[in-house]
Amino acid sequence: MITVAIAEDHQSLMDGINLLLKYKEGITIVGMANDGEALLEVVRNKRPEVVLTDIKMPKIDGIAVTKLIKKEFPETKVIAFTMFNQQEAITQMIAAGASGYLLKNSPLEEVLNAINAVSEGNTFFDSAIDLSFLNDDSDTSSKKPVLSKSEREILRYIGQGKSSSEIASLRFTAVSTVEKHRKNMIHKLGLSGKGELLRYALDRKYDF
């Protein structure tokens, strides 16, 4: 059972999301909040696995509260659920530690897919979002650890937001093999987890 908390400053929209999700098998809504401060309290008290949060909220905005949540509860997965499709907002949410980014006009199926994906340790981005701008890295002076050809290929797929099972299918290999490569890259690059591996992939040019 995936436990979920929802934060949205428009009560009617939050009620609608709750209504759509509450009867879905495998998902339990453990808390709702109208602002970032209240969301932080929900997370502290209920410890949800996944947080679905708006970006523009009273008291503490979605970017700031994501940073706070990830600092206190690094295992909690955060999905941005917003109307903003601007590059700055997407970049800031990823930097804050978000594992997913959805637009509010997304169909219910996309919301469910996002929750399931991030709960399994993967990432999920709305298909309407163009992430190509994140590939522009002007800092070419930083040293990058040597990755194998297979690791570089998997890193490209990670940058495209693909799950381990999708990567395994594309490479005609076992999911366990992809997971092993993920762990090796995290170790080589000195990262703390899959979220940081995604940000590493997005921050560098791997022609995806």
N, C-alpha and C. Protein backbone atom coordinates (compact mmCIF):
# COMPACT_ATOMS: atom_id res chain seq x y z
N MET A 1 0.84 -1.20 0.00
CA MET A 1 0.00 0.00 0.00
C MET A 1 0.87 1.25 0.00
N ILE A 2 0.67 2.13 -0.96
CA ILE A 2 1.44 3.37 -1.05
C ILE A 2 0.71 4.47 -0.30
N THR A 3 1.36 5.05 0.69
CA THR A 3 0.75 6.15 1.44
C THR A 3 1.11 7.48 0.77
N VAL A 4 0.09 8.34 0.63
CA VAL A 4 0.25 9.59 -0.12
C VAL A 4 -0.28 10.77 0.67
N ALA A 5 0.44 11.89 0.62
CA ALA A 5 -0.03 13.16 1.18
C ALA A 5 -0.18 14.14 0.02
N ILE A 6 -1.20 14.99 0.10
CA ILE A 6 -1.49 15.94 -0.97
C ILE A 6 -1.46 17.37 -0.42
N ALA A 7 -0.82 18.28 -1.15
CA ALA A 7 -0.80 19.69 -0.76
C ALA A 7 -1.26 20.53 -1.94
N GLU A 8 -2.30 21.33 -1.72
CA GLU A 8 -2.89 22.16 -2.77
C GLU A 8 -3.65 23.29 -2.08
N ASP A 9 -3.40 24.54 -2.48
CA ASP A 9 -4.03 25.66 -1.79
C ASP A 9 -5.46 25.93 -2.25
N HIS A 10 -5.89 25.27 -3.33
CA HIS A 10 -7.28 25.38 -3.76
C HIS A 10 -8.03 24.14 -3.25
N GLN A 11 -8.89 24.34 -2.26
CA GLN A 11 -9.54 23.23 -1.59
C GLN A 11 -10.35 22.36 -2.55
N SER A 12 -11.03 23.00 -3.49
CA SER A 12 -11.88 22.23 -4.42
C SER A 12 -11.04 21.28 -5.28
N LEU A 13 -9.87 21.75 -5.71
CA LEU A 13 -9.00 20.91 -6.52
C LEU A 13 -8.43 19.77 -5.68
N MET A 14 -8.05 20.08 -4.44
CA MET A 14 -7.52 19.04 -3.57
C MET A 14 -8.59 17.99 -3.27
N ASP A 15 -9.81 18.44 -3.07
CA ASP A 15 -10.91 17.49 -2.83
C ASP A 15 -11.11 16.60 -4.04
N GLY A 16 -10.95 17.19 -5.24
CA GLY A 16 -11.11 16.41 -6.46
C GLY A 16 -10.03 15.36 -6.61
N ILE A 17 -8.80 15.73 -6.31
CA ILE A 17 -7.69 14.77 -6.38
C ILE A 17 -7.91 13.65 -5.37
N ASN A 18 -8.32 14.04 -4.17
CA ASN A 18 -8.58 13.05 -3.13
C ASN A 18 -9.66 12.07 -3.55
N LEU A 19 -10.72 12.60 -4.16
CA LEU A 19 -11.82 11.76 -4.61
C LEU A 19 -11.37 10.78 -5.69
N LEU A 20 -10.50 11.25 -6.58
CA LEU A 20 -10.02 10.41 -7.66
C LEU A 20 -9.10 9.29 -7.18
N LEU A 21 -8.34 9.58 -6.12
CA LEU A 21 -7.33 8.63 -5.66
C LEU A 21 -7.79 7.70 -4.54
N LYS A 22 -8.74 8.16 -3.75
CA LYS A 22 -9.07 7.44 -2.52
C LYS A 22 -9.62 6.04 -2.75
N TYR A 23 -10.21 5.81 -3.92
CA TYR A 23 -10.78 4.49 -4.19
C TYR A 23 -9.88 3.63 -5.08
N LYS A 24 -8.67 4.13 -5.35
CA LYS A 24 -7.75 3.36 -6.18
C LYS A 24 -7.03 2.32 -5.33
N GLU A 25 -7.03 1.10 -5.82
CA GLU A 25 -6.40 0.01 -5.09
C GLU A 25 -4.89 0.24 -4.97
N GLY A 26 -4.38 0.04 -3.78
CA GLY A 26 -2.94 0.17 -3.56
C GLY A 26 -2.49 1.54 -3.13
N ILE A 27 -3.44 2.49 -2.99
CA ILE A 27 -3.09 3.85 -2.60
C ILE A 27 -3.95 4.29 -1.41
N THR A 28 -3.32 4.88 -0.41
CA THR A 28 -4.03 5.41 0.75
C THR A 28 -3.63 6.86 0.97
N ILE A 29 -4.61 7.76 1.01
CA ILE A 29 -4.35 9.17 1.30
C ILE A 29 -4.27 9.33 2.81
N VAL A 30 -3.11 9.72 3.32
CA VAL A 30 -2.92 9.82 4.77
C VAL A 30 -2.99 11.25 5.28
N GLY A 31 -3.04 12.22 4.38
CA GLY A 31 -3.12 13.61 4.83
C GLY A 31 -3.24 14.57 3.67
N MET A 32 -3.86 15.74 3.95
CA MET A 32 -4.01 16.79 2.97
C MET A 32 -3.69 18.13 3.63
N ALA A 33 -3.16 19.06 2.85
CA ALA A 33 -2.77 20.35 3.41
C ALA A 33 -3.02 21.45 2.38
N ASN A 34 -3.30 22.65 2.88
CA ASN A 34 -3.57 23.79 2.02
C ASN A 34 -2.37 24.72 1.87
N ASP A 35 -1.31 24.46 2.62
CA ASP A 35 -0.10 25.28 2.51
C ASP A 35 1.12 24.44 2.86
N GLY A 36 2.30 24.98 2.56
CA GLY A 36 3.52 24.23 2.78
C GLY A 36 3.82 23.92 4.23
N GLU A 37 3.47 24.83 5.11
CA GLU A 37 3.71 24.62 6.54
C GLU A 37 2.89 23.45 7.05
N ALA A 38 1.61 23.42 6.64
CA ALA A 38 0.74 22.32 7.05
C ALA A 38 1.20 21.00 6.43
N LEU A 39 1.69 21.05 5.19
CA LEU A 39 2.19 19.84 4.55
C LEU A 39 3.36 19.26 5.33
N LEU A 40 4.26 20.11 5.76
CA LEU A 40 5.42 19.64 6.52
C LEU A 40 4.98 18.93 7.79
N GLU A 41 3.94 19.44 8.45
CA GLU A 41 3.43 18.80 9.65
C GLU A 41 2.80 17.44 9.33
N VAL A 42 2.09 17.38 8.20
CA VAL A 42 1.50 16.10 7.78
C VAL A 42 2.60 15.06 7.55
N VAL A 43 3.65 15.47 6.87
CA VAL A 43 4.75 14.56 6.58
C VAL A 43 5.42 14.10 7.87
N ARG A 44 5.61 15.02 8.80
CA ARG A 44 6.25 14.66 10.07
C ARG A 44 5.38 13.70 10.89
N ASN A 45 4.07 13.88 10.82
CA ASN A 45 3.18 13.06 11.63
C ASN A 45 2.80 11.74 10.98
N LYS A 46 2.64 11.76 9.65
CA LYS A 46 2.13 10.59 8.94
C LYS A 46 3.19 9.81 8.17
N ARG A 47 4.32 10.42 7.90
CA ARG A 47 5.42 9.79 7.16
C ARG A 47 4.94 9.12 5.85
N PRO A 48 4.31 9.86 4.96
CA PRO A 48 3.86 9.26 3.69
C PRO A 48 5.04 8.85 2.82
N GLU A 49 4.83 7.87 1.99
CA GLU A 49 5.86 7.44 1.05
C GLU A 49 6.00 8.43 -0.10
N VAL A 50 4.85 9.00 -0.52
CA VAL A 50 4.84 9.91 -1.65
C VAL A 50 4.09 11.19 -1.28
N VAL A 51 4.64 12.32 -1.70
CA VAL A 51 3.98 13.62 -1.49
C VAL A 51 3.68 14.23 -2.85
N LEU A 52 2.44 14.63 -3.05
CA LEU A 52 2.00 15.30 -4.27
C LEU A 52 1.75 16.76 -3.90
N THR A 53 2.58 17.66 -4.39
CA THR A 53 2.48 19.05 -3.93
C THR A 53 2.46 20.08 -5.06
N ASP A 54 1.67 21.12 -4.83
CA ASP A 54 1.69 22.27 -5.72
C ASP A 54 2.98 23.04 -5.47
N ILE A 55 3.34 23.92 -6.37
CA ILE A 55 4.54 24.74 -6.18
C ILE A 55 4.19 26.07 -5.51
N LYS A 56 3.19 26.76 -6.04
CA LYS A 56 2.80 28.04 -5.47
C LYS A 56 1.79 27.82 -4.36
N MET A 57 2.27 27.97 -3.11
CA MET A 57 1.40 27.77 -1.95
C MET A 57 1.72 28.82 -0.89
N PRO A 58 0.77 29.10 0.01
CA PRO A 58 1.02 30.06 1.10
C PRO A 58 2.02 29.53 2.10
N LYS A 59 2.60 30.43 2.89
CA LYS A 59 3.50 30.15 4.02
C LYS A 59 4.84 29.57 3.58
N ILE A 60 4.82 28.37 3.00
CA ILE A 60 6.05 27.79 2.44
C ILE A 60 5.71 27.26 1.05
N ASP A 61 6.43 27.72 0.03
CA ASP A 61 6.10 27.25 -1.32
C ASP A 61 6.58 25.82 -1.54
N GLY A 62 6.16 25.25 -2.65
CA GLY A 62 6.45 23.85 -2.92
C GLY A 62 7.93 23.52 -3.05
N ILE A 63 8.71 24.46 -3.58
CA ILE A 63 10.14 24.24 -3.73
C ILE A 63 10.82 24.18 -2.37
N ALA A 64 10.51 25.17 -1.53
CA ALA A 64 11.12 25.23 -0.20
C ALA A 64 10.71 24.04 0.66
N VAL A 65 9.43 23.68 0.59
CA VAL A 65 8.97 22.57 1.45
C VAL A 65 9.53 21.24 0.96
N THR A 66 9.77 21.12 -0.35
CA THR A 66 10.40 19.90 -0.86
C THR A 66 11.81 19.75 -0.30
N LYS A 67 12.55 20.85 -0.25
CA LYS A 67 13.90 20.82 0.33
C LYS A 67 13.85 20.37 1.80
N LEU A 68 12.88 20.92 2.54
CA LEU A 68 12.75 20.59 3.96
C LEU A 68 12.38 19.12 4.15
N ILE A 69 11.45 18.65 3.33
CA ILE A 69 11.01 17.25 3.42
C ILE A 69 12.17 16.31 3.11
N LYS A 70 12.90 16.59 2.04
CA LYS A 70 14.01 15.72 1.65
C LYS A 70 15.15 15.75 2.67
N LYS A 71 15.31 16.88 3.35
CA LYS A 71 16.35 16.97 4.37
C LYS A 71 16.00 16.12 5.58
N GLU A 72 14.73 16.18 6.01
CA GLU A 72 14.29 15.43 7.19
C GLU A 72 13.96 13.98 6.87
N PHE A 73 13.37 13.77 5.70
CA PHE A 73 12.92 12.42 5.32
C PHE A 73 13.39 12.11 3.90
N PRO A 74 14.67 11.82 3.72
CA PRO A 74 15.22 11.62 2.37
C PRO A 74 14.56 10.50 1.58
N GLU A 75 13.92 9.54 2.27
CA GLU A 75 13.28 8.44 1.55
C GLU A 75 11.91 8.81 1.00
N THR A 76 11.34 9.92 1.47
CA THR A 76 10.03 10.36 0.97
C THR A 76 10.17 10.88 -0.46
N LYS A 77 9.29 10.43 -1.33
CA LYS A 77 9.33 10.85 -2.73
C LYS A 77 8.36 12.02 -2.94
N VAL A 78 8.81 13.02 -3.65
CA VAL A 78 8.00 14.21 -3.89
C VAL A 78 7.71 14.36 -5.38
N ILE A 79 6.43 14.62 -5.68
CA ILE A 79 6.00 14.89 -7.06
C ILE A 79 5.41 16.29 -7.11
N ALA A 80 5.92 17.12 -7.99
CA ALA A 80 5.32 18.44 -8.21
C ALA A 80 4.05 18.26 -9.02
N PHE A 81 2.97 18.92 -8.59
CA PHE A 81 1.69 18.86 -9.31
C PHE A 81 1.24 20.30 -9.48
N THR A 82 1.46 20.86 -10.66
CA THR A 82 1.38 22.30 -10.82
C THR A 82 0.93 22.71 -12.22
N MET A 83 0.62 23.99 -12.35
CA MET A 83 0.29 24.55 -13.66
C MET A 83 1.54 25.08 -14.35
N PHE A 84 2.63 25.24 -13.59
CA PHE A 84 3.85 25.85 -14.13
C PHE A 84 4.63 24.87 -14.99
N ASN A 85 4.85 25.27 -16.24
CA ASN A 85 5.65 24.47 -17.17
C ASN A 85 6.91 25.21 -17.56
N GLN A 86 7.31 26.17 -16.70
CA GLN A 86 8.49 26.97 -16.97
C GLN A 86 9.76 26.22 -16.59
N GLN A 87 10.82 26.50 -17.34
CA GLN A 87 12.10 25.84 -17.11
C GLN A 87 12.60 26.07 -15.70
N GLU A 88 12.47 27.30 -15.20
CA GLU A 88 13.00 27.62 -13.87
C GLU A 88 12.33 26.79 -12.78
N ALA A 89 11.01 26.67 -12.87
CA ALA A 89 10.28 25.91 -11.85
C ALA A 89 10.68 24.44 -11.88
N ILE A 90 10.80 23.87 -13.08
CA ILE A 90 11.17 22.47 -13.22
C ILE A 90 12.58 22.24 -12.66
N THR A 91 13.50 23.11 -13.04
CA THR A 91 14.88 22.99 -12.57
C THR A 91 14.97 23.09 -11.06
N GLN A 92 14.24 24.04 -10.48
CA GLN A 92 14.29 24.24 -9.04
C GLN A 92 13.69 23.07 -8.28
N MET A 93 12.62 22.49 -8.80
CA MET A 93 12.01 21.34 -8.13
C MET A 93 12.93 20.12 -8.20
N ILE A 94 13.58 19.91 -9.33
CA ILE A 94 14.52 18.79 -9.45
C ILE A 94 15.68 19.00 -8.48
N ALA A 95 16.20 20.23 -8.43
CA ALA A 95 17.31 20.53 -7.52
C ALA A 95 16.90 20.35 -6.06
N ALA A 96 15.63 20.63 -5.77
CA ALA A 96 15.14 20.49 -4.40
C ALA A 96 15.00 19.03 -3.99
N GLY A 97 14.94 18.14 -4.97
CA GLY A 97 14.86 16.72 -4.67
C GLY A 97 13.61 16.01 -5.17
N ALA A 98 12.80 16.70 -5.98
CA ALA A 98 11.58 16.07 -6.50
C ALA A 98 11.92 14.93 -7.45
N SER A 99 11.13 13.86 -7.38
CA SER A 99 11.32 12.70 -8.24
C SER A 99 10.37 12.70 -9.43
N GLY A 100 9.39 13.62 -9.41
CA GLY A 100 8.42 13.67 -10.49
C GLY A 100 7.88 15.07 -10.68
N TYR A 101 7.33 15.33 -11.85
CA TYR A 101 6.79 16.66 -12.16
C TYR A 101 5.60 16.47 -13.09
N LEU A 102 4.42 16.82 -12.61
CA LEU A 102 3.18 16.66 -13.37
C LEU A 102 2.47 18.00 -13.54
N LEU A 103 1.82 18.17 -14.68
CA LEU A 103 0.99 19.35 -14.89
C LEU A 103 -0.43 19.03 -14.46
N LYS A 104 -1.15 20.05 -14.02
CA LYS A 104 -2.47 19.83 -13.44
C LYS A 104 -3.52 19.36 -14.45
N ASN A 105 -3.20 19.49 -15.73
CA ASN A 105 -4.14 18.98 -16.73
C ASN A 105 -3.86 17.53 -17.08
N SER A 106 -2.97 16.89 -16.31
CA SER A 106 -2.66 15.48 -16.55
C SER A 106 -3.87 14.60 -16.24
N PRO A 107 -4.12 13.57 -17.03
CA PRO A 107 -5.21 12.65 -16.71
C PRO A 107 -4.89 11.85 -15.45
N LEU A 108 -5.91 11.29 -14.83
CA LEU A 108 -5.75 10.53 -13.60
C LEU A 108 -4.73 9.40 -13.79
N GLU A 109 -4.74 8.76 -14.93
CA GLU A 109 -3.83 7.65 -15.17
C GLU A 109 -2.37 8.10 -15.03
N GLU A 110 -2.07 9.33 -15.48
CA GLU A 110 -0.71 9.84 -15.36
C GLU A 110 -0.34 10.07 -13.90
N VAL A 111 -1.30 10.56 -13.11
CA VAL A 111 -1.05 10.78 -11.68
C VAL A 111 -0.75 9.44 -11.01
N LEU A 112 -1.54 8.44 -11.32
CA LEU A 112 -1.33 7.10 -10.75
C LEU A 112 0.01 6.52 -11.19
N ASN A 113 0.33 6.69 -12.47
CA ASN A 113 1.61 6.18 -12.97
C ASN A 113 2.79 6.85 -12.27
N ALA A 114 2.65 8.16 -12.04
CA ALA A 114 3.71 8.91 -11.37
C ALA A 114 3.91 8.43 -9.94
N ILE A 115 2.81 8.25 -9.22
CA ILE A 115 2.89 7.79 -7.83
C ILE A 115 3.53 6.41 -7.76
N ASN A 116 3.10 5.52 -8.64
CA ASN A 116 3.66 4.16 -8.65
C ASN A 116 5.14 4.17 -9.02
N ALA A 117 5.50 5.01 -9.99
CA ALA A 117 6.89 5.06 -10.46
C ALA A 117 7.84 5.55 -9.37
N VAL A 118 7.49 6.67 -8.74
CA VAL A 118 8.41 7.23 -7.74
C VAL A 118 8.46 6.36 -6.49
N SER A 119 7.35 5.68 -6.17
CA SER A 119 7.35 4.82 -4.99
C SER A 119 8.29 3.64 -5.17
N GLU A 120 8.58 3.29 -6.44
CA GLU A 120 9.50 2.20 -6.75
C GLU A 120 10.94 2.69 -6.93
N GLY A 121 11.15 3.99 -6.67
CA GLY A 121 12.49 4.54 -6.77
C GLY A 121 12.85 5.10 -8.13
N ASN A 122 11.86 5.18 -9.02
CA ASN A 122 12.10 5.73 -10.35
C ASN A 122 11.67 7.20 -10.41
N THR A 123 11.82 7.80 -11.56
CA THR A 123 11.38 9.17 -11.75
C THR A 123 10.21 9.20 -12.75
N PHE A 124 9.48 10.32 -12.75
CA PHE A 124 8.36 10.42 -13.68
C PHE A 124 8.13 11.89 -14.02
N PHE A 125 8.14 12.18 -15.32
CA PHE A 125 7.90 13.53 -15.79
C PHE A 125 6.76 13.55 -16.79
N ASP A 126 5.92 14.56 -16.67
CA ASP A 126 4.79 14.71 -17.57
C ASP A 126 5.28 14.67 -19.02
N SER A 127 4.57 13.95 -19.86
CA SER A 127 4.98 13.80 -21.26
C SER A 127 4.94 15.13 -22.01
N ALA A 128 4.22 16.12 -21.48
CA ALA A 128 4.12 17.43 -22.14
C ALA A 128 5.31 18.33 -21.82
N ILE A 129 6.16 17.89 -20.88
CA ILE A 129 7.30 18.69 -20.47
C ILE A 129 8.51 18.40 -21.35
N ASP A 130 9.14 19.45 -21.87
CA ASP A 130 10.36 19.31 -22.66
C ASP A 130 11.55 19.49 -21.72
N LEU A 131 12.29 18.41 -21.49
CA LEU A 131 13.43 18.46 -20.57
C LEU A 131 14.76 18.73 -21.27
N SER A 132 14.72 18.98 -22.57
CA SER A 132 15.96 19.12 -23.32
C SER A 132 16.80 20.29 -22.84
N PHE A 133 16.15 21.33 -22.30
CA PHE A 133 16.90 22.50 -21.85
C PHE A 133 17.84 22.17 -20.69
N LEU A 134 17.54 21.08 -19.97
CA LEU A 134 18.39 20.71 -18.84
C LEU A 134 19.71 20.11 -19.28
N ASN A 135 19.86 19.84 -20.56
CA ASN A 135 21.10 19.25 -21.06
C ASN A 135 22.18 20.29 -21.31
N ASP A 136 21.83 21.58 -21.21
CA ASP A 136 22.79 22.64 -21.50
C ASP A 136 23.71 22.84 -20.31
N ASP A 137 24.89 22.29 -20.38
CA ASP A 137 25.86 22.38 -19.30
C ASP A 137 27.11 23.10 -19.80
N SER A 138 27.29 24.34 -19.36
CA SER A 138 28.41 25.14 -19.83
C SER A 138 29.70 24.85 -19.07
N ASP A 139 29.60 24.13 -17.96
CA ASP A 139 30.77 23.82 -17.16
C ASP A 139 31.44 22.55 -17.67
N THR A 140 32.44 22.73 -18.51
CA THR A 140 33.13 21.58 -19.10
C THR A 140 34.45 21.29 -18.38
N SER A 141 34.74 22.11 -17.35
CA SER A 141 36.01 21.95 -16.67
C SER A 141 35.96 20.92 -15.56
N SER A 142 34.77 20.57 -15.11
CA SER A 142 34.67 19.63 -14.00
C SER A 142 35.05 18.23 -14.46
N LYS A 143 35.76 17.53 -13.62
CA LYS A 143 36.20 16.18 -13.95
C LYS A 143 35.08 15.19 -13.73
N LYS A 144 34.89 14.30 -14.68
CA LYS A 144 33.84 13.30 -14.57
C LYS A 144 34.48 11.92 -14.44
N PRO A 145 34.05 11.14 -13.48
CA PRO A 145 34.58 9.79 -13.34
C PRO A 145 34.33 8.99 -14.62
N VAL A 146 35.22 8.05 -14.88
CA VAL A 146 35.10 7.24 -16.09
C VAL A 146 33.99 6.22 -15.91
N LEU A 147 33.00 6.26 -16.78
CA LEU A 147 31.92 5.29 -16.77
C LEU A 147 32.08 4.37 -17.96
N SER A 148 31.62 3.16 -17.81
CA SER A 148 31.71 2.20 -18.91
C SER A 148 30.70 2.56 -20.00
N LYS A 149 30.84 1.94 -21.16
CA LYS A 149 29.92 2.19 -22.26
C LYS A 149 28.49 1.86 -21.85
N SER A 150 28.30 0.74 -21.16
CA SER A 150 26.97 0.33 -20.71
C SER A 150 26.41 1.33 -19.71
N GLU A 151 27.25 1.81 -18.80
CA GLU A 151 26.81 2.78 -17.80
C GLU A 151 26.40 4.09 -18.45
N ARG A 152 27.17 4.53 -19.46
CA ARG A 152 26.82 5.77 -20.15
C ARG A 152 25.49 5.62 -20.90
N GLU A 153 25.28 4.47 -21.49
CA GLU A 153 24.02 4.22 -22.20
C GLU A 153 22.85 4.25 -21.23
N ILE A 154 23.00 3.57 -20.08
CA ILE A 154 21.94 3.55 -19.08
C ILE A 154 21.71 4.95 -18.52
N LEU A 155 22.79 5.71 -18.36
CA LEU A 155 22.67 7.08 -17.85
C LEU A 155 21.84 7.95 -18.80
N ARG A 156 22.02 7.72 -20.10
CA ARG A 156 21.22 8.47 -21.08
C ARG A 156 19.73 8.14 -20.90
N TYR A 157 19.42 6.87 -20.72
CA TYR A 157 18.02 6.47 -20.53
C TYR A 157 17.47 7.03 -19.22
N ILE A 158 18.30 7.06 -18.17
CA ILE A 158 17.86 7.63 -16.90
C ILE A 158 17.51 9.10 -17.10
N GLY A 159 18.33 9.79 -17.88
CA GLY A 159 18.07 11.21 -18.17
C GLY A 159 16.78 11.43 -18.94
N GLN A 160 16.31 10.40 -19.60
CA GLN A 160 15.04 10.46 -20.33
C GLN A 160 13.85 10.09 -19.44
N GLY A 161 14.16 9.78 -18.17
CA GLY A 161 13.10 9.47 -17.22
C GLY A 161 12.59 8.04 -17.29
N LYS A 162 13.38 7.15 -17.90
CA LYS A 162 12.92 5.77 -18.05
C LYS A 162 13.20 4.97 -16.78
N SER A 163 12.32 4.03 -16.48
CA SER A 163 12.46 3.17 -15.31
C SER A 163 13.46 2.05 -15.61
N SER A 164 13.87 1.34 -14.57
CA SER A 164 14.82 0.24 -14.75
C SER A 164 14.24 -0.85 -15.66
N SER A 165 12.95 -1.13 -15.51
CA SER A 165 12.33 -2.16 -16.35
C SER A 165 12.27 -1.72 -17.81
N GLU A 166 12.02 -0.44 -18.05
CA GLU A 166 12.00 0.06 -19.43
C GLU A 166 13.41 0.00 -20.04
N ILE A 167 14.41 0.36 -19.25
CA ILE A 167 15.79 0.32 -19.73
C ILE A 167 16.20 -1.11 -20.04
N ALA A 168 15.82 -2.04 -19.16
CA ALA A 168 16.14 -3.44 -19.37
C ALA A 168 15.54 -3.95 -20.67
N SER A 169 14.30 -3.54 -20.94
CA SER A 169 13.62 -3.96 -22.17
C SER A 169 14.33 -3.40 -23.40
N LEU A 170 14.74 -2.13 -23.33
CA LEU A 170 15.42 -1.49 -24.46
C LEU A 170 16.79 -2.11 -24.72
N ARG A 171 17.44 -2.56 -23.65
CA ARG A 171 18.79 -3.11 -23.78
C ARG A 171 18.81 -4.64 -23.85
N PHE A 172 17.63 -5.23 -23.81
CA PHE A 172 17.50 -6.70 -23.86
C PHE A 172 18.34 -7.36 -22.76
N THR A 173 18.16 -6.85 -21.55
CA THR A 173 18.90 -7.40 -20.42
C THR A 173 17.98 -7.52 -19.21
N ALA A 174 18.47 -8.05 -18.12
CA ALA A 174 17.66 -8.23 -16.92
C ALA A 174 17.56 -6.93 -16.13
N VAL A 175 16.45 -6.75 -15.43
CA VAL A 175 16.27 -5.57 -14.59
C VAL A 175 17.35 -5.53 -13.52
N SER A 176 17.72 -6.70 -12.99
CA SER A 176 18.75 -6.76 -11.95
C SER A 176 20.09 -6.23 -12.47
N THR A 177 20.35 -6.44 -13.77
CA THR A 177 21.59 -5.93 -14.36
C THR A 177 21.58 -4.41 -14.41
N VAL A 178 20.44 -3.84 -14.78
CA VAL A 178 20.31 -2.38 -14.82
C VAL A 178 20.47 -1.81 -13.42
N GLU A 179 19.85 -2.46 -12.44
CA GLU A 179 19.94 -2.00 -11.06
C GLU A 179 21.40 -2.06 -10.57
N LYS A 180 22.11 -3.08 -10.98
CA LYS A 180 23.53 -3.20 -10.60
C LYS A 180 24.34 -2.06 -11.19
N HIS A 181 24.06 -1.72 -12.45
CA HIS A 181 24.75 -0.60 -13.09
C HIS A 181 24.42 0.71 -12.37
N ARG A 182 23.16 0.87 -11.97
CA ARG A 182 22.76 2.08 -11.23
C ARG A 182 23.59 2.22 -9.95
N LYS A 183 23.68 1.13 -9.21
CA LYS A 183 24.43 1.14 -7.95
C LYS A 183 25.90 1.44 -8.19
N ASN A 184 26.46 0.86 -9.25
CA ASN A 184 27.86 1.10 -9.57
C ASN A 184 28.10 2.57 -9.91
N MET A 185 27.19 3.16 -10.68
CA MET A 185 27.33 4.57 -11.05
C MET A 185 27.20 5.47 -9.83
N ILE A 186 26.23 5.16 -8.96
CA ILE A 186 26.05 5.95 -7.74
C ILE A 186 27.33 5.92 -6.90
N HIS A 187 27.95 4.73 -6.83
CA HIS A 187 29.19 4.59 -6.07
C HIS A 187 30.34 5.35 -6.73
N LYS A 188 30.49 5.18 -8.05
CA LYS A 188 31.58 5.83 -8.77
C LYS A 188 31.49 7.35 -8.70
N LEU A 189 30.25 7.86 -8.78
CA LEU A 189 30.04 9.31 -8.84
C LEU A 189 29.92 9.95 -7.46
N GLY A 190 29.93 9.11 -6.41
CA GLY A 190 29.84 9.63 -5.06
C GLY A 190 28.48 10.23 -4.74
N LEU A 191 27.42 9.63 -5.30
CA LEU A 191 26.06 10.13 -5.10
C LEU A 191 25.37 9.35 -3.99
N SER A 192 24.23 9.89 -3.52
CA SER A 192 23.56 9.27 -2.38
C SER A 192 22.36 8.41 -2.77
N GLY A 193 21.93 8.46 -4.02
CA GLY A 193 20.78 7.66 -4.40
C GLY A 193 20.34 7.92 -5.82
N LYS A 194 19.20 7.31 -6.19
CA LYS A 194 18.72 7.40 -7.57
C LYS A 194 18.32 8.82 -7.97
N GLY A 195 17.81 9.58 -7.00
CA GLY A 195 17.42 10.96 -7.31
C GLY A 195 18.61 11.79 -7.74
N GLU A 196 19.74 11.64 -7.03
CA GLU A 196 20.94 12.37 -7.39
C GLU A 196 21.52 11.86 -8.70
N LEU A 197 21.34 10.57 -8.98
CA LEU A 197 21.82 10.03 -10.25
C LEU A 197 21.05 10.66 -11.42
N LEU A 198 19.75 10.84 -11.23
CA LEU A 198 18.94 11.50 -12.27
C LEU A 198 19.45 12.92 -12.50
N ARG A 199 19.66 13.67 -11.41
CA ARG A 199 20.11 15.05 -11.56
C ARG A 199 21.48 15.11 -12.23
N TYR A 200 22.34 14.12 -11.92
CA TYR A 200 23.65 14.06 -12.58
C TYR A 200 23.47 13.87 -14.08
N ALA A 201 22.56 12.97 -14.45
CA ALA A 201 22.31 12.70 -15.87
C ALA A 201 21.78 13.94 -16.58
N LEU A 202 20.87 14.66 -15.92
CA LEU A 202 20.26 15.83 -16.53
C LEU A 202 21.24 17.00 -16.62
N ASP A 203 22.21 17.02 -15.73
CA ASP A 203 23.15 18.14 -15.67
C ASP A 203 24.28 18.02 -16.68
N ARG A 204 24.37 16.89 -17.37
CA ARG A 204 25.47 16.67 -18.28
C ARG A 204 25.03 16.28 -19.66
N LYS A 205 25.84 16.54 -20.64
CA LYS A 205 25.50 16.25 -22.03
C LYS A 205 25.81 14.79 -22.35
N TYR A 206 24.77 14.01 -22.49
CA TYR A 206 24.93 12.63 -22.95
C TYR A 206 24.09 12.40 -24.20
N ASP A 207 23.89 13.50 -24.95
CA ASP A 207 23.20 13.44 -26.24
C ASP A 207 21.82 12.82 -26.16
N PHE A 208 21.09 13.09 -25.05
CA PHE A 208 19.72 12.63 -25.03
C PHE A 208 18.82 13.83 -25.08
